[in-house]
């Protein structure tokens, strides 16, 4: 019996040695030429290099709330992105959408909703609804609104207007979200 168990152990040992050898060969075949390179997690891309020779910064998610826009419940308006984010008290985006600014922009900073109007005629003569005003710049009231006819403005650059237009469905959500006193943060 000792003979058969020693033969069995010898067989297992030989199989283990062969398995280790196969694995070692596979590892050496897949090893990078430069062993100082950091290993990557499978499925991730290698970092790209900027034209300056340094590593590129990862692209910012265009739907992510801009950094430096504060915390808590707020409306965030990015002048550069022409986009609005509605952010709940836990910092989660409940909705984001593109907007069409007018000829006068608010200065970046924190504001509060100061007045609202259900339906009025805009300074461009278009009937608008769900007007949410939060700032004044160059003696022009600045606020969000939606055109009742669904049109998007092509503002006359010779006129000073402060309407930031959005689609009607977005205007409905803004109207519910941005009550008097609601925080509005404008970023560059």
N, C-alpha and C. Protein backbone atom coordinates (compact mmCIF):
# COMPACT_ATOMS: atom_id res chain seq x y z
N UNK A 1 0.80 -1.16 0.00
CA UNK A 1 0.00 0.00 0.00
C UNK A 1 0.86 1.25 0.00
N UNK A 2 2.01 1.19 0.66
CA UNK A 2 2.91 2.34 0.70
C UNK A 2 3.41 2.64 -0.69
N UNK A 3 3.58 1.60 -1.49
CA UNK A 3 4.07 1.79 -2.83
C UNK A 3 3.07 2.55 -3.69
N UNK A 4 1.78 2.21 -3.60
CA UNK A 4 0.79 2.86 -4.44
C UNK A 4 0.55 4.30 -4.00
N UNK A 5 0.61 4.61 -2.70
CA UNK A 5 0.42 5.98 -2.26
C UNK A 5 1.63 6.84 -2.63
N UNK A 6 2.83 6.27 -2.60
CA UNK A 6 4.00 7.06 -2.99
C UNK A 6 3.99 7.32 -4.49
N UNK A 7 3.48 6.37 -5.27
CA UNK A 7 3.36 6.58 -6.71
C UNK A 7 2.32 7.65 -7.01
N UNK A 8 1.25 7.66 -6.22
CA UNK A 8 0.20 8.66 -6.39
C UNK A 8 0.73 10.05 -6.08
N UNK A 9 1.48 10.18 -4.99
CA UNK A 9 2.07 11.46 -4.59
C UNK A 9 3.08 11.92 -5.66
N UNK A 10 3.86 10.99 -6.16
CA UNK A 10 4.84 11.33 -7.20
C UNK A 10 4.11 11.84 -8.45
N UNK A 11 2.98 11.22 -8.79
CA UNK A 11 2.19 11.65 -9.95
C UNK A 11 1.62 13.04 -9.76
N UNK A 12 1.10 13.30 -8.57
CA UNK A 12 0.57 14.63 -8.27
C UNK A 12 1.66 15.69 -8.32
N UNK A 13 2.82 15.34 -7.77
CA UNK A 13 3.94 16.28 -7.79
C UNK A 13 4.36 16.59 -9.21
N UNK A 14 4.45 15.58 -10.05
CA UNK A 14 4.85 15.78 -11.45
C UNK A 14 3.81 16.65 -12.16
N UNK A 15 2.51 16.42 -11.91
CA UNK A 15 1.46 17.23 -12.54
C UNK A 15 1.55 18.68 -12.09
N UNK A 16 1.83 18.89 -10.80
CA UNK A 16 1.95 20.25 -10.28
C UNK A 16 3.14 20.97 -10.90
N UNK A 17 4.27 20.27 -11.06
CA UNK A 17 5.46 20.86 -11.67
C UNK A 17 5.17 21.26 -13.11
N UNK A 18 4.47 20.40 -13.85
CA UNK A 18 4.12 20.70 -15.24
C UNK A 18 3.19 21.92 -15.29
N UNK A 19 2.18 21.97 -14.40
CA UNK A 19 1.24 23.09 -14.37
C UNK A 19 1.97 24.40 -14.07
N UNK A 20 2.87 24.39 -13.10
CA UNK A 20 3.63 25.59 -12.77
C UNK A 20 4.51 26.00 -13.95
N UNK A 21 5.09 25.06 -14.62
CA UNK A 21 5.91 25.37 -15.79
C UNK A 21 5.09 26.00 -16.90
N UNK A 22 3.90 25.47 -17.17
CA UNK A 22 3.02 26.05 -18.20
C UNK A 22 2.62 27.47 -17.82
N UNK A 23 2.25 27.67 -16.57
CA UNK A 23 1.86 29.02 -16.12
C UNK A 23 3.02 30.00 -16.20
N UNK A 24 4.22 29.54 -15.83
CA UNK A 24 5.39 30.40 -15.92
C UNK A 24 5.68 30.78 -17.36
N UNK A 25 5.55 29.83 -18.27
CA UNK A 25 5.77 30.12 -19.69
C UNK A 25 4.74 31.14 -20.19
N UNK A 26 3.45 30.97 -19.83
CA UNK A 26 2.41 31.90 -20.27
C UNK A 26 2.66 33.29 -19.71
N UNK A 27 3.09 33.37 -18.46
CA UNK A 27 3.37 34.66 -17.85
C UNK A 27 4.54 35.35 -18.55
N UNK A 28 5.59 34.61 -18.87
CA UNK A 28 6.74 35.24 -19.52
C UNK A 28 6.39 35.66 -20.94
N UNK A 29 5.51 34.94 -21.61
CA UNK A 29 5.12 35.31 -22.97
C UNK A 29 4.28 36.58 -22.99
N UNK A 30 3.57 36.88 -21.90
CA UNK A 30 2.71 38.07 -21.84
C UNK A 30 3.32 39.22 -21.05
N UNK A 31 4.54 39.07 -20.59
CA UNK A 31 5.19 40.12 -19.81
C UNK A 31 5.60 41.26 -20.73
N UNK A 32 5.46 42.51 -20.27
CA UNK A 32 5.89 43.65 -21.08
C UNK A 32 7.41 43.66 -21.21
N UNK A 33 7.89 44.25 -22.30
CA UNK A 33 9.33 44.35 -22.51
C UNK A 33 9.97 45.20 -21.42
N UNK A 34 9.26 46.25 -20.98
CA UNK A 34 9.75 47.14 -19.93
C UNK A 34 9.05 46.77 -18.63
N UNK A 35 9.74 46.07 -17.75
CA UNK A 35 9.11 45.61 -16.52
C UNK A 35 8.88 46.73 -15.52
N UNK A 36 9.37 47.94 -15.79
CA UNK A 36 9.11 49.06 -14.88
C UNK A 36 7.75 49.67 -15.13
N UNK A 37 7.08 49.29 -16.23
CA UNK A 37 5.74 49.81 -16.52
C UNK A 37 4.75 49.29 -15.50
N UNK A 38 3.82 50.14 -15.10
CA UNK A 38 2.81 49.73 -14.13
C UNK A 38 1.81 48.82 -14.82
N UNK A 39 1.42 47.73 -14.14
CA UNK A 39 0.42 46.85 -14.74
C UNK A 39 -0.94 47.54 -14.78
N UNK A 40 -1.75 47.21 -15.78
CA UNK A 40 -3.09 47.78 -15.92
C UNK A 40 -4.12 46.73 -15.57
N UNK A 41 -5.22 47.20 -15.09
CA UNK A 41 -6.35 46.31 -14.84
C UNK A 41 -6.89 45.89 -16.20
N UNK A 42 -7.19 44.62 -16.39
CA UNK A 42 -7.72 44.18 -17.68
C UNK A 42 -8.94 45.00 -18.07
N UNK A 43 -9.01 45.38 -19.35
CA UNK A 43 -10.14 46.14 -19.85
C UNK A 43 -9.95 47.63 -19.77
N UNK A 44 -8.83 48.10 -19.19
CA UNK A 44 -8.59 49.54 -19.14
C UNK A 44 -7.57 49.91 -20.18
N UNK A 45 -7.70 51.11 -20.68
CA UNK A 45 -6.78 51.58 -21.72
C UNK A 45 -5.53 52.16 -21.08
N UNK A 46 -4.47 52.10 -21.83
CA UNK A 46 -3.23 52.72 -21.38
C UNK A 46 -3.41 54.23 -21.38
N UNK A 47 -2.77 54.94 -20.45
CA UNK A 47 -2.92 56.40 -20.45
C UNK A 47 -2.35 56.98 -21.73
N UNK A 48 -3.05 57.97 -22.27
CA UNK A 48 -2.55 58.60 -23.48
C UNK A 48 -1.62 59.74 -23.09
N UNK A 49 -0.87 60.19 -24.04
CA UNK A 49 0.10 61.24 -23.79
C UNK A 49 -0.31 62.49 -24.54
N UNK A 50 -0.29 63.61 -23.84
CA UNK A 50 -0.63 64.89 -24.46
C UNK A 50 0.49 65.30 -25.40
N UNK A 51 0.20 66.19 -26.35
CA UNK A 51 1.26 66.66 -27.25
C UNK A 51 2.45 67.25 -26.51
N UNK A 52 2.23 67.75 -25.29
CA UNK A 52 3.33 68.32 -24.51
C UNK A 52 4.25 67.24 -23.95
N UNK A 53 3.85 65.97 -24.05
CA UNK A 53 4.66 64.88 -23.55
C UNK A 53 4.18 64.37 -22.21
N UNK A 54 3.33 65.13 -21.50
CA UNK A 54 2.81 64.69 -20.21
C UNK A 54 1.54 63.89 -20.39
N UNK A 55 1.11 63.25 -19.32
CA UNK A 55 -0.13 62.47 -19.44
C UNK A 55 -1.33 63.40 -19.62
N UNK A 56 -2.30 62.96 -20.43
CA UNK A 56 -3.52 63.74 -20.62
C UNK A 56 -4.41 63.59 -19.40
N UNK A 57 -5.15 64.63 -19.10
CA UNK A 57 -6.13 64.55 -18.04
C UNK A 57 -7.34 63.79 -18.59
N UNK A 58 -7.99 62.97 -17.77
CA UNK A 58 -9.17 62.27 -18.25
C UNK A 58 -10.25 63.27 -18.65
N UNK A 59 -10.98 62.96 -19.70
CA UNK A 59 -12.03 63.85 -20.18
C UNK A 59 -13.11 63.96 -19.11
N UNK A 60 -13.61 65.17 -18.91
CA UNK A 60 -14.68 65.41 -17.94
C UNK A 60 -16.00 64.92 -18.53
N UNK A 61 -16.76 64.24 -17.72
CA UNK A 61 -18.08 63.79 -18.14
C UNK A 61 -18.94 65.03 -18.36
N UNK A 62 -19.43 65.25 -19.58
CA UNK A 62 -20.18 66.47 -19.86
C UNK A 62 -21.50 66.56 -19.09
N UNK A 63 -21.96 65.47 -18.55
CA UNK A 63 -23.21 65.49 -17.80
C UNK A 63 -22.99 65.60 -16.30
N UNK A 64 -21.72 65.55 -15.86
CA UNK A 64 -21.41 65.66 -14.43
C UNK A 64 -21.52 67.11 -13.98
N UNK A 65 -21.98 67.30 -12.76
CA UNK A 65 -22.08 68.65 -12.20
C UNK A 65 -20.69 69.27 -12.15
N UNK A 66 -20.54 70.50 -12.59
CA UNK A 66 -19.21 71.14 -12.57
C UNK A 66 -18.63 71.22 -11.16
N UNK A 67 -17.33 70.97 -11.08
CA UNK A 67 -16.63 71.11 -9.80
C UNK A 67 -16.73 72.57 -9.35
N UNK A 68 -16.76 72.76 -8.06
CA UNK A 68 -16.81 74.12 -7.53
C UNK A 68 -18.19 74.75 -7.59
N UNK A 69 -19.23 73.93 -7.78
CA UNK A 69 -20.59 74.49 -7.87
C UNK A 69 -21.33 74.41 -6.53
N UNK A 70 -20.60 74.12 -5.48
CA UNK A 70 -21.23 74.10 -4.17
C UNK A 70 -21.75 72.74 -3.78
N UNK A 71 -22.62 72.74 -2.78
CA UNK A 71 -23.19 71.49 -2.29
C UNK A 71 -24.65 71.72 -1.93
N UNK A 72 -25.33 70.63 -1.66
CA UNK A 72 -26.74 70.71 -1.29
C UNK A 72 -27.64 70.96 -2.48
N UNK A 73 -28.91 71.19 -2.18
CA UNK A 73 -29.90 71.41 -3.24
C UNK A 73 -29.62 72.73 -3.95
N UNK A 74 -29.59 72.66 -5.29
CA UNK A 74 -29.26 73.86 -6.05
C UNK A 74 -29.53 73.65 -7.54
N UNK A 75 -29.64 74.78 -8.24
CA UNK A 75 -29.65 74.80 -9.70
C UNK A 75 -28.25 75.25 -10.09
N UNK A 76 -27.60 74.50 -10.98
CA UNK A 76 -26.27 74.89 -11.45
C UNK A 76 -26.39 75.24 -12.93
N UNK A 77 -25.87 76.42 -13.28
CA UNK A 77 -25.92 76.89 -14.67
C UNK A 77 -24.48 77.15 -15.13
N UNK A 78 -24.06 76.42 -16.15
CA UNK A 78 -22.72 76.60 -16.71
C UNK A 78 -22.81 77.47 -17.96
N UNK A 79 -22.14 78.62 -17.91
CA UNK A 79 -22.14 79.53 -19.06
C UNK A 79 -21.45 78.88 -20.26
N UNK A 80 -20.31 78.23 -20.03
CA UNK A 80 -19.54 77.64 -21.13
C UNK A 80 -20.25 76.44 -21.75
N UNK A 81 -20.86 75.61 -20.91
CA UNK A 81 -21.52 74.40 -21.41
C UNK A 81 -22.94 74.66 -21.90
N UNK A 82 -23.49 75.83 -21.54
CA UNK A 82 -24.90 76.13 -21.85
C UNK A 82 -25.79 75.00 -21.36
N UNK A 83 -25.59 74.64 -20.11
CA UNK A 83 -26.28 73.49 -19.52
C UNK A 83 -26.68 73.83 -18.09
N UNK A 84 -27.80 73.24 -17.66
CA UNK A 84 -28.31 73.38 -16.30
C UNK A 84 -28.38 72.00 -15.66
N UNK A 85 -28.06 71.95 -14.38
CA UNK A 85 -28.21 70.73 -13.57
C UNK A 85 -29.13 71.07 -12.40
N UNK A 86 -30.09 70.21 -12.13
CA UNK A 86 -30.91 70.33 -10.93
C UNK A 86 -30.37 69.28 -9.97
N UNK A 87 -29.88 69.74 -8.81
CA UNK A 87 -29.18 68.88 -7.86
C UNK A 87 -29.99 68.82 -6.57
N UNK A 88 -30.25 67.60 -6.07
CA UNK A 88 -31.04 67.46 -4.85
C UNK A 88 -30.17 67.69 -3.61
N UNK A 89 -30.78 67.61 -2.43
CA UNK A 89 -30.09 67.90 -1.16
C UNK A 89 -28.94 66.95 -0.87
N UNK A 90 -28.95 65.76 -1.50
CA UNK A 90 -27.87 64.79 -1.29
C UNK A 90 -26.77 64.92 -2.35
N UNK A 91 -26.89 65.91 -3.23
CA UNK A 91 -25.87 66.12 -4.25
C UNK A 91 -26.06 65.31 -5.51
N UNK A 92 -27.22 64.66 -5.64
CA UNK A 92 -27.50 63.85 -6.84
C UNK A 92 -28.19 64.70 -7.90
N UNK A 93 -27.79 64.51 -9.14
CA UNK A 93 -28.41 65.22 -10.25
C UNK A 93 -29.77 64.58 -10.53
N UNK A 94 -30.83 65.38 -10.45
CA UNK A 94 -32.16 64.86 -10.76
C UNK A 94 -32.52 65.11 -12.22
N UNK A 95 -31.87 66.11 -12.83
CA UNK A 95 -32.11 66.39 -14.25
C UNK A 95 -31.00 67.32 -14.73
N UNK A 96 -30.62 67.16 -15.99
CA UNK A 96 -29.70 68.08 -16.64
C UNK A 96 -30.17 68.29 -18.06
N UNK A 97 -29.97 69.50 -18.58
CA UNK A 97 -30.45 69.81 -19.92
C UNK A 97 -29.72 71.02 -20.49
N UNK A 98 -29.71 71.10 -21.81
CA UNK A 98 -29.11 72.24 -22.52
C UNK A 98 -30.06 73.42 -22.47
N UNK A 99 -29.50 74.63 -22.51
CA UNK A 99 -30.28 75.86 -22.55
C UNK A 99 -29.74 76.78 -23.63
N UNK A 100 -30.51 77.82 -23.95
CA UNK A 100 -30.12 78.80 -24.95
C UNK A 100 -30.06 80.15 -24.26
N UNK A 101 -28.84 80.66 -24.00
CA UNK A 101 -28.73 81.94 -23.30
C UNK A 101 -29.09 83.12 -24.20
N UNK A 102 -29.33 84.23 -23.56
CA UNK A 102 -29.65 85.46 -24.28
C UNK A 102 -28.37 86.28 -24.45
N UNK A 103 -28.52 87.59 -24.58
CA UNK A 103 -27.34 88.43 -24.86
C UNK A 103 -26.61 88.90 -23.61
N UNK A 104 -27.27 88.86 -22.45
CA UNK A 104 -26.63 89.29 -21.20
C UNK A 104 -26.53 88.08 -20.27
N UNK A 105 -25.32 87.78 -19.82
CA UNK A 105 -25.08 86.65 -18.92
C UNK A 105 -24.94 87.13 -17.48
N UNK A 106 -25.34 86.30 -16.53
CA UNK A 106 -25.07 86.63 -15.13
C UNK A 106 -23.59 86.43 -14.83
N UNK A 107 -23.09 87.13 -13.86
CA UNK A 107 -21.72 86.97 -13.41
C UNK A 107 -21.65 85.65 -12.63
N UNK A 108 -20.60 84.83 -12.82
CA UNK A 108 -20.50 83.60 -12.03
C UNK A 108 -20.57 83.89 -10.53
N UNK A 109 -21.29 83.05 -9.82
CA UNK A 109 -21.47 83.21 -8.39
C UNK A 109 -22.72 82.51 -7.92
N UNK A 110 -23.04 82.71 -6.64
CA UNK A 110 -24.22 82.08 -6.04
C UNK A 110 -25.34 83.11 -5.92
N UNK A 111 -26.54 82.69 -6.26
CA UNK A 111 -27.72 83.55 -6.24
C UNK A 111 -28.86 82.79 -5.57
N UNK A 112 -29.98 83.48 -5.43
CA UNK A 112 -31.22 82.85 -4.96
C UNK A 112 -32.34 83.30 -5.89
N UNK A 113 -33.32 82.43 -6.10
CA UNK A 113 -34.47 82.79 -6.92
C UNK A 113 -35.20 83.93 -6.21
N UNK A 114 -35.42 85.03 -6.94
CA UNK A 114 -36.04 86.22 -6.35
C UNK A 114 -37.48 86.42 -6.79
N UNK A 115 -37.84 85.96 -7.97
CA UNK A 115 -39.22 86.10 -8.43
C UNK A 115 -39.52 85.06 -9.49
N UNK A 116 -40.83 84.81 -9.67
CA UNK A 116 -41.29 83.83 -10.64
C UNK A 116 -42.56 84.36 -11.30
N UNK A 117 -42.77 83.98 -12.54
CA UNK A 117 -43.99 84.33 -13.25
C UNK A 117 -44.45 83.12 -14.03
N UNK A 118 -45.73 82.82 -13.92
CA UNK A 118 -46.28 81.65 -14.63
C UNK A 118 -46.27 81.82 -16.13
N UNK A 119 -46.66 83.01 -16.61
CA UNK A 119 -46.72 83.26 -18.04
C UNK A 119 -46.65 84.76 -18.29
N UNK A 120 -45.71 85.18 -19.14
CA UNK A 120 -45.54 86.59 -19.50
C UNK A 120 -45.01 86.67 -20.93
N UNK A 121 -44.91 87.86 -21.44
CA UNK A 121 -44.27 88.07 -22.74
C UNK A 121 -42.81 88.42 -22.47
N UNK A 122 -41.90 87.72 -23.13
CA UNK A 122 -40.48 87.98 -22.95
C UNK A 122 -40.06 89.30 -23.58
N UNK A 123 -38.89 89.78 -23.21
CA UNK A 123 -38.40 91.05 -23.76
C UNK A 123 -38.16 90.96 -25.27
N UNK A 124 -38.13 89.74 -25.80
CA UNK A 124 -37.99 89.56 -27.24
C UNK A 124 -39.35 89.45 -27.93
N UNK A 125 -40.45 89.62 -27.16
CA UNK A 125 -41.79 89.58 -27.73
C UNK A 125 -42.43 88.21 -27.77
N UNK A 126 -41.70 87.16 -27.38
CA UNK A 126 -42.21 85.79 -27.41
C UNK A 126 -42.96 85.50 -26.10
N UNK A 127 -44.11 84.84 -26.19
CA UNK A 127 -44.84 84.43 -24.99
C UNK A 127 -44.05 83.32 -24.30
N UNK A 128 -43.74 83.50 -23.01
CA UNK A 128 -42.94 82.53 -22.26
C UNK A 128 -43.69 82.11 -21.00
N UNK A 129 -43.26 80.96 -20.46
CA UNK A 129 -43.87 80.44 -19.24
C UNK A 129 -42.79 79.96 -18.28
N UNK A 130 -43.23 79.77 -17.03
CA UNK A 130 -42.36 79.24 -15.99
C UNK A 130 -41.05 80.04 -15.86
N UNK A 131 -41.22 81.34 -15.71
CA UNK A 131 -40.08 82.24 -15.59
C UNK A 131 -39.56 82.20 -14.15
N UNK A 132 -38.26 81.91 -14.02
CA UNK A 132 -37.61 81.82 -12.71
C UNK A 132 -36.44 82.80 -12.74
N UNK A 133 -36.60 83.96 -12.08
CA UNK A 133 -35.57 85.01 -12.09
C UNK A 133 -34.67 84.88 -10.88
N UNK A 134 -33.36 85.14 -11.12
CA UNK A 134 -32.41 84.97 -10.01
C UNK A 134 -31.31 86.01 -9.97
N UNK A 135 -31.16 86.84 -10.98
CA UNK A 135 -30.05 87.80 -11.00
C UNK A 135 -30.40 89.02 -11.85
N UNK A 136 -29.56 90.03 -11.73
CA UNK A 136 -29.63 91.21 -12.59
C UNK A 136 -28.21 91.52 -13.04
N UNK A 137 -28.06 91.81 -14.32
CA UNK A 137 -26.75 92.20 -14.86
C UNK A 137 -27.00 93.25 -15.93
N UNK A 138 -26.22 94.29 -15.93
CA UNK A 138 -26.35 95.38 -16.90
C UNK A 138 -27.79 95.91 -16.93
N UNK A 139 -28.41 96.02 -15.75
CA UNK A 139 -29.80 96.49 -15.59
C UNK A 139 -30.81 95.60 -16.31
N UNK A 140 -30.49 94.33 -16.50
CA UNK A 140 -31.37 93.38 -17.16
C UNK A 140 -31.65 92.23 -16.18
N UNK A 141 -32.92 91.87 -16.04
CA UNK A 141 -33.29 90.71 -15.20
C UNK A 141 -32.86 89.44 -15.92
N UNK A 142 -32.24 88.53 -15.16
CA UNK A 142 -31.76 87.25 -15.71
C UNK A 142 -32.62 86.14 -15.12
N UNK A 143 -33.09 85.25 -15.99
CA UNK A 143 -33.88 84.13 -15.49
C UNK A 143 -34.09 83.05 -16.52
N UNK A 144 -34.55 81.92 -16.05
CA UNK A 144 -34.85 80.78 -16.90
C UNK A 144 -36.30 80.86 -17.35
N UNK A 145 -36.58 80.40 -18.56
CA UNK A 145 -37.96 80.37 -19.06
C UNK A 145 -38.04 79.44 -20.25
N UNK A 146 -39.29 79.16 -20.65
CA UNK A 146 -39.54 78.33 -21.83
C UNK A 146 -40.54 79.05 -22.71
N UNK A 147 -40.32 79.04 -24.01
CA UNK A 147 -41.26 79.65 -24.95
C UNK A 147 -42.48 78.76 -25.07
N UNK A 148 -43.65 79.36 -24.98
CA UNK A 148 -44.90 78.61 -25.05
C UNK A 148 -45.00 77.88 -26.39
N UNK A 149 -44.51 78.51 -27.46
CA UNK A 149 -44.57 77.87 -28.79
C UNK A 149 -43.45 76.87 -29.02
N UNK A 150 -42.58 76.67 -28.00
CA UNK A 150 -41.50 75.69 -28.11
C UNK A 150 -40.28 76.18 -28.87
N UNK A 151 -40.29 77.43 -29.32
CA UNK A 151 -39.16 77.94 -30.10
C UNK A 151 -37.95 78.19 -29.21
N UNK A 152 -36.79 78.19 -29.84
CA UNK A 152 -35.55 78.54 -29.15
C UNK A 152 -35.08 79.86 -29.75
N UNK A 153 -34.57 80.74 -28.92
CA UNK A 153 -34.27 82.09 -29.39
C UNK A 153 -33.02 82.20 -30.25
N UNK A 154 -33.05 83.16 -31.10
CA UNK A 154 -31.86 83.66 -31.79
C UNK A 154 -31.82 85.13 -31.42
N UNK A 155 -31.25 85.42 -30.24
CA UNK A 155 -31.34 86.79 -29.72
C UNK A 155 -30.69 87.82 -30.64
N UNK A 156 -31.31 88.97 -30.69
CA UNK A 156 -30.78 90.11 -31.44
C UNK A 156 -29.60 90.65 -30.63
N UNK A 157 -28.38 90.56 -31.17
CA UNK A 157 -27.21 91.00 -30.40
C UNK A 157 -27.23 92.49 -30.06
N UNK A 158 -28.07 93.27 -30.74
CA UNK A 158 -28.16 94.70 -30.46
C UNK A 158 -29.05 94.99 -29.24
N UNK A 159 -29.82 93.98 -28.79
CA UNK A 159 -30.73 94.16 -27.64
C UNK A 159 -30.18 93.46 -26.41
N UNK A 160 -30.36 94.09 -25.26
CA UNK A 160 -29.94 93.49 -24.00
C UNK A 160 -31.12 92.71 -23.43
N UNK A 161 -31.02 91.37 -23.47
CA UNK A 161 -32.06 90.52 -22.91
C UNK A 161 -31.41 89.47 -22.01
N UNK A 162 -32.15 89.01 -21.01
CA UNK A 162 -31.56 88.10 -20.03
C UNK A 162 -32.25 86.76 -19.89
N UNK A 163 -33.07 86.41 -20.84
CA UNK A 163 -33.78 85.14 -20.76
C UNK A 163 -32.88 83.96 -21.11
N UNK A 164 -32.88 82.95 -20.28
CA UNK A 164 -32.15 81.70 -20.54
C UNK A 164 -33.23 80.69 -20.87
N UNK A 165 -33.38 80.39 -22.15
CA UNK A 165 -34.51 79.55 -22.58
C UNK A 165 -34.18 78.07 -22.51
N UNK A 166 -35.23 77.31 -22.29
CA UNK A 166 -35.12 75.86 -22.23
C UNK A 166 -36.35 75.27 -22.90
N UNK A 167 -36.31 73.96 -23.13
CA UNK A 167 -37.48 73.27 -23.67
C UNK A 167 -38.61 73.32 -22.64
N UNK A 168 -39.84 73.21 -23.11
CA UNK A 168 -41.00 73.30 -22.21
C UNK A 168 -40.99 72.22 -21.13
N UNK A 169 -40.63 71.00 -21.48
CA UNK A 169 -40.60 69.92 -20.48
C UNK A 169 -39.57 70.24 -19.39
N UNK A 170 -38.43 70.80 -19.78
CA UNK A 170 -37.42 71.19 -18.79
C UNK A 170 -37.92 72.36 -17.95
N UNK A 171 -38.65 73.28 -18.60
CA UNK A 171 -39.24 74.41 -17.88
C UNK A 171 -40.23 73.95 -16.82
N UNK A 172 -41.01 72.92 -17.13
CA UNK A 172 -41.97 72.37 -16.15
C UNK A 172 -41.23 71.88 -14.91
N UNK A 173 -40.14 71.16 -15.12
CA UNK A 173 -39.37 70.62 -13.99
C UNK A 173 -38.68 71.74 -13.23
N UNK A 174 -38.12 72.71 -13.95
CA UNK A 174 -37.48 73.86 -13.29
C UNK A 174 -38.49 74.60 -12.42
N UNK A 175 -39.69 74.80 -12.92
CA UNK A 175 -40.73 75.53 -12.19
C UNK A 175 -41.04 74.86 -10.85
N UNK A 176 -41.09 73.55 -10.85
CA UNK A 176 -41.36 72.81 -9.62
C UNK A 176 -40.16 72.85 -8.67
N UNK A 177 -38.96 72.80 -9.22
CA UNK A 177 -37.72 72.70 -8.43
C UNK A 177 -37.29 74.04 -7.84
N UNK A 178 -37.31 75.09 -8.65
CA UNK A 178 -36.70 76.38 -8.27
C UNK A 178 -37.75 77.35 -7.72
N UNK A 179 -38.12 77.16 -6.47
CA UNK A 179 -39.07 78.04 -5.81
C UNK A 179 -38.35 79.29 -5.31
N UNK A 180 -39.10 80.26 -4.82
CA UNK A 180 -38.50 81.48 -4.28
C UNK A 180 -37.48 81.11 -3.21
N UNK A 181 -36.29 81.66 -3.30
CA UNK A 181 -35.22 81.40 -2.34
C UNK A 181 -34.32 80.25 -2.72
N UNK A 182 -34.68 79.46 -3.73
CA UNK A 182 -33.84 78.32 -4.16
C UNK A 182 -32.47 78.84 -4.60
N UNK A 183 -31.46 78.07 -4.31
CA UNK A 183 -30.08 78.43 -4.65
C UNK A 183 -29.81 78.18 -6.14
N UNK A 184 -29.20 79.17 -6.79
CA UNK A 184 -28.76 79.05 -8.18
C UNK A 184 -27.28 79.39 -8.20
N UNK A 185 -26.48 78.48 -8.73
CA UNK A 185 -25.03 78.71 -8.82
C UNK A 185 -24.66 78.81 -10.29
N UNK A 186 -24.04 79.92 -10.66
CA UNK A 186 -23.58 80.13 -12.03
C UNK A 186 -22.07 79.92 -12.07
N UNK A 187 -21.62 79.05 -12.97
CA UNK A 187 -20.19 78.81 -13.14
C UNK A 187 -19.79 79.22 -14.56
N UNK A 188 -18.53 79.56 -14.72
CA UNK A 188 -18.03 80.03 -16.02
C UNK A 188 -18.09 78.99 -17.08
